[in-house]
Amino acid sequence: MLKLGEAANRLSKLGVMAPDGVDWALAVANRNFIIHQYDELNRLVTWRTLSFDLVEWEISLRPLFDKARAANASCE
């Protein structure tokens, strides 16, 4: 979740629009909470986020991943 939040922050700053079902600001907020309020983390909420919400994000982000892989392959 930390890496996802950092990536979301960078993509947002680059002007990359989040696909439907993805909220860059929410990922950044999660990252900031984990870093700064780690002593208040609820493991059940964290697990639910990882096992449910992020599965939907992966599906929504898959086209961006594919596009990035194709761009990287063409540079090699």
Protein backbone atom coordinates (compact mmCIF):
# COMPACT_ATOMS: atom_id res chain seq x y z
CA MET A 1 0.00 0.00 0.00
CA LEU A 2 2.94 2.29 0.60
CA LYS A 3 4.32 1.74 -2.89
CA LEU A 4 0.89 2.08 -4.47
CA GLY A 5 0.37 5.40 -2.70
CA GLU A 6 3.76 6.67 -3.81
CA ALA A 7 3.10 5.61 -7.40
CA ALA A 8 -0.36 7.22 -7.32
CA ASN A 9 1.18 10.46 -6.08
CA ARG A 10 3.74 10.49 -8.90
CA LEU A 11 1.18 9.61 -11.58
CA SER A 12 -1.17 12.30 -10.32
CA LYS A 13 1.60 14.91 -10.45
CA LEU A 14 2.38 13.84 -14.03
CA GLY A 15 -1.24 14.44 -14.99
CA VAL A 16 -2.06 10.78 -15.58
CA MET A 17 -5.80 10.44 -15.16
CA ALA A 18 -6.93 7.63 -12.90
CA PRO A 19 -9.15 5.08 -14.63
CA ASP A 20 -12.72 4.49 -13.46
CA GLY A 21 -12.78 2.87 -10.05
CA VAL A 22 -9.37 4.22 -9.02
CA ASP A 23 -8.79 7.27 -6.83
CA TRP A 24 -5.21 8.52 -6.71
CA ALA A 25 -5.99 10.79 -3.75
CA LEU A 26 -7.30 7.85 -1.71
CA ALA A 27 -4.12 5.85 -2.37
CA VAL A 28 -1.98 8.82 -1.34
CA ALA A 29 -4.06 9.35 1.80
CA ASN A 30 -3.69 5.66 2.71
CA ARG A 31 0.06 5.89 2.25
CA ASN A 32 0.29 9.00 4.41
CA PHE A 33 -1.83 7.42 7.14
CA ILE A 34 0.27 4.26 7.20
CA ILE A 35 3.49 6.27 7.41
CA HIS A 36 2.35 8.79 10.02
CA GLN A 37 -0.22 6.89 12.09
CA TYR A 38 1.17 3.37 11.86
CA ASP A 39 0.43 2.85 15.57
CA GLU A 40 -3.29 3.30 14.79
CA LEU A 41 -3.52 0.77 11.94
CA ASN A 42 -6.38 -1.66 12.06
CA ARG A 43 -5.15 -4.94 10.62
CA LEU A 44 -8.63 -6.09 9.62
CA VAL A 45 -9.32 -2.90 7.65
CA THR A 46 -5.88 -3.11 6.06
CA TRP A 47 -6.44 -6.73 5.05
CA ARG A 48 -9.88 -5.94 3.60
CA THR A 49 -8.41 -3.09 1.60
CA LEU A 50 -5.69 -5.32 0.20
CA SER A 51 -7.91 -8.29 -0.55
CA PHE A 52 -10.98 -6.52 -1.96
CA ASP A 53 -10.36 -2.93 -3.05
CA LEU A 54 -6.96 -3.51 -4.60
CA VAL A 55 -8.24 -6.40 -6.70
CA GLU A 56 -10.67 -3.97 -8.35
CA TRP A 57 -7.87 -1.43 -8.80
CA GLU A 58 -5.69 -4.03 -10.52
CA ILE A 59 -8.46 -4.73 -13.01
CA SER A 60 -8.97 -1.01 -13.66
CA LEU A 61 -5.24 -0.35 -13.97
CA ARG A 62 -4.45 -3.35 -16.20
CA PRO A 63 -4.75 -1.34 -19.46
CA LEU A 64 -2.24 1.22 -18.12
CA PHE A 65 0.13 -1.58 -17.11
CA ASP A 66 -0.16 -3.12 -20.58
CA LYS A 67 0.50 0.24 -22.23
CA ALA A 68 3.57 0.82 -20.03
CA ARG A 69 4.93 -2.66 -20.81
CA ALA A 70 4.47 -2.07 -24.55
CA ALA A 71 6.24 1.30 -24.31
CA ASN A 72 9.13 -0.25 -22.39
CA ALA A 73 9.41 -3.13 -24.88
CA SER A 74 9.63 -0.72 -27.81
CA CYS A 75 12.54 1.08 -26.13
CA GLU A 76 14.66 -2.07 -25.89
